[in-house]
Protein backbone atom coordinates (compact mmCIF):
# COMPACT_ATOMS: atom_id res chain seq x y z
CA UNK A 1 -11.53 -4.32 -75.87
CA UNK A 2 -10.42 -3.18 -72.82
CA UNK A 3 -10.07 -5.25 -69.59
CA UNK A 4 -11.83 -3.15 -66.83
CA UNK A 5 -10.55 -4.76 -63.73
CA UNK A 6 -10.52 -2.68 -60.29
CA UNK A 7 -7.20 -2.84 -58.59
CA UNK A 8 -7.94 -0.95 -55.55
CA UNK A 9 -10.00 -0.64 -52.22
CA UNK A 10 -13.28 0.56 -52.82
CA UNK A 11 -14.58 3.65 -50.65
CA UNK A 12 -17.20 1.47 -49.16
CA UNK A 13 -14.78 -1.32 -47.97
CA UNK A 14 -12.50 1.22 -46.56
CA UNK A 15 -15.41 3.03 -44.58
CA UNK A 16 -16.60 -0.48 -43.27
CA UNK A 17 -12.51 -1.40 -42.25
CA UNK A 18 -12.44 1.94 -40.44
CA UNK A 19 -15.80 1.41 -38.35
CA UNK A 20 -14.75 -1.88 -37.48
CA UNK A 21 -11.16 -0.47 -36.08
CA UNK A 22 -12.88 2.27 -34.12
CA UNK A 23 -15.51 -0.56 -32.46
CA UNK A 24 -12.55 -2.59 -31.57
CA UNK A 25 -10.52 0.43 -30.48
CA UNK A 26 -13.46 1.41 -27.98
CA UNK A 27 -13.95 -2.04 -26.54
CA UNK A 28 -10.22 -2.58 -25.80
CA UNK A 29 -9.99 1.14 -24.21
CA UNK A 30 -13.37 0.05 -22.11
CA UNK A 31 -11.87 -3.02 -20.95
CA UNK A 32 -8.26 -1.22 -20.09
CA UNK A 33 -9.84 1.80 -18.20
CA UNK A 34 -13.39 1.06 -17.59
CA UNK A 35 -15.23 0.65 -14.29
CA UNK A 36 -14.30 -3.17 -13.90
CA UNK A 37 -11.25 -2.77 -16.81
CA UNK A 38 -7.76 -3.83 -16.18
CA UNK A 39 -6.60 -0.64 -14.55
CA UNK A 40 -9.13 -0.28 -11.97
CA UNK A 41 -8.72 -4.19 -10.93
CA UNK A 42 -5.15 -3.64 -10.54
CA UNK A 43 -5.81 -0.85 -8.23
CA UNK A 44 -8.10 -3.00 -5.92
CA UNK A 45 -5.75 -5.90 -6.15
CA UNK A 46 -3.06 -3.37 -4.61
CA UNK A 47 -5.48 -2.26 -1.84
CA UNK A 48 -6.14 -5.83 -0.85
CA UNK A 49 -2.68 -6.93 -1.07
CA UNK A 50 -1.73 -3.95 1.59
CA UNK A 51 -4.26 -4.99 3.79
CA UNK A 52 -3.10 -8.56 4.03
CA UNK A 53 0.40 -7.69 4.26
CA UNK A 54 -0.31 -5.40 7.39
CA UNK A 55 -2.57 -8.09 8.74
CA UNK A 56 0.23 -10.94 8.30
CA UNK A 57 2.74 -8.50 9.81
CA UNK A 58 0.63 -8.07 12.95
CA UNK A 59 0.28 -11.93 13.05
CA UNK A 60 4.09 -12.32 12.80
CA UNK A 61 4.84 -9.87 15.36
CA UNK A 62 2.17 -11.84 17.58
CA UNK A 63 4.29 -15.00 16.96
CA UNK A 64 7.45 -13.36 17.67
CA UNK A 65 5.98 -12.21 20.98
CA UNK A 66 4.67 -15.77 21.52
CA UNK A 67 8.16 -17.05 20.87
CA UNK A 68 10.01 -14.58 22.79
CA UNK A 69 7.68 -15.08 25.60
CA UNK A 70 7.91 -18.86 25.71
CA UNK A 71 4.50 -19.51 24.72
CA UNK A 72 2.74 -16.86 26.66
CA UNK A 73 1.79 -13.28 25.58
CA UNK A 74 2.56 -10.33 27.85
CA UNK A 75 2.14 -6.99 27.43
CA UNK A 76 6.15 -6.39 26.96
CA UNK A 77 6.43 -8.96 24.71
CA UNK A 78 3.74 -7.83 22.52
CA UNK A 79 4.67 -4.23 22.67
CA UNK A 80 8.31 -4.92 21.64
CA UNK A 81 7.33 -7.23 18.72
CA UNK A 82 5.17 -4.58 17.49
CA UNK A 83 7.58 -1.99 17.60
CA UNK A 84 10.16 -4.14 15.92
CA UNK A 85 7.63 -4.86 12.94
CA UNK A 86 6.02 -1.35 12.71
CA UNK A 87 8.35 1.15 14.12
CA UNK A 88 8.17 2.64 17.81
CA UNK A 89 6.31 5.54 16.35
CA UNK A 90 3.19 3.27 15.58
CA UNK A 91 3.01 1.75 19.17
CA UNK A 92 1.68 4.04 21.62
CA UNK A 93 1.40 3.35 25.31
CA UNK A 94 -2.35 3.64 25.36
CA UNK A 95 -2.42 0.35 23.51
CA UNK A 96 -0.97 -1.67 26.14
CA UNK A 97 -2.97 -1.07 29.20
CA UNK A 98 -3.28 -4.30 31.32
CA UNK A 99 -2.65 -7.83 30.17
CA UNK A 100 -4.81 -7.84 27.12
CA UNK A 101 -6.65 -7.92 25.02
CA UNK A 102 -4.40 -5.27 23.40
CA UNK A 103 -5.74 -3.12 20.07
CA UNK A 104 -3.51 -2.03 17.93
CA UNK A 105 -4.25 0.67 15.47
CA UNK A 106 -2.13 -0.38 12.01
CA UNK A 107 -2.05 2.01 9.05
CA UNK A 108 -4.94 0.44 7.37
CA UNK A 109 -7.04 -1.52 10.09
CA UNK A 110 -7.61 -1.86 13.68
CA UNK A 111 -6.63 -5.27 15.35
CA UNK A 112 -7.41 -6.68 18.53
CA UNK A 113 -4.75 -9.00 20.11
CA UNK A 114 -6.15 -11.47 22.33
CA UNK A 115 -4.08 -13.50 24.85
CA UNK A 116 -5.45 -16.78 23.62
CA UNK A 117 -4.06 -16.19 20.23
CA UNK A 118 -6.94 -15.53 18.32
CA UNK A 119 -6.12 -12.00 16.55
CA UNK A 120 -8.77 -10.45 14.66
CA UNK A 121 -8.94 -7.57 12.32
CA UNK A 122 -11.66 -4.86 13.07
CA UNK A 123 -13.46 -3.71 9.90
């Protein structure tokens, strides 16, 4: 009498395994590149970081202007501080008419710089 034991994988088990792997691959790819996937969220985080960085740079420039103006904001102090942070080509003379409030056009947003230190980002 022969002992008839199967020592291999049946075709059905192989097909089921392949289907499970395809399902897992589809879920993984969707999580990676889907609408709310990891790559999409990384891009959103990058944009938010750039926005916040620019806003912080404007706030730092205003703080520098306050320090250099011994506690008061003047047109020259704000203008020089923004030139130091963003470069002379980014600061135009049209921005600095009068004694404030001033409007600074950043690369990402527009900012209003008040003489009472309330700096707001315009949307």
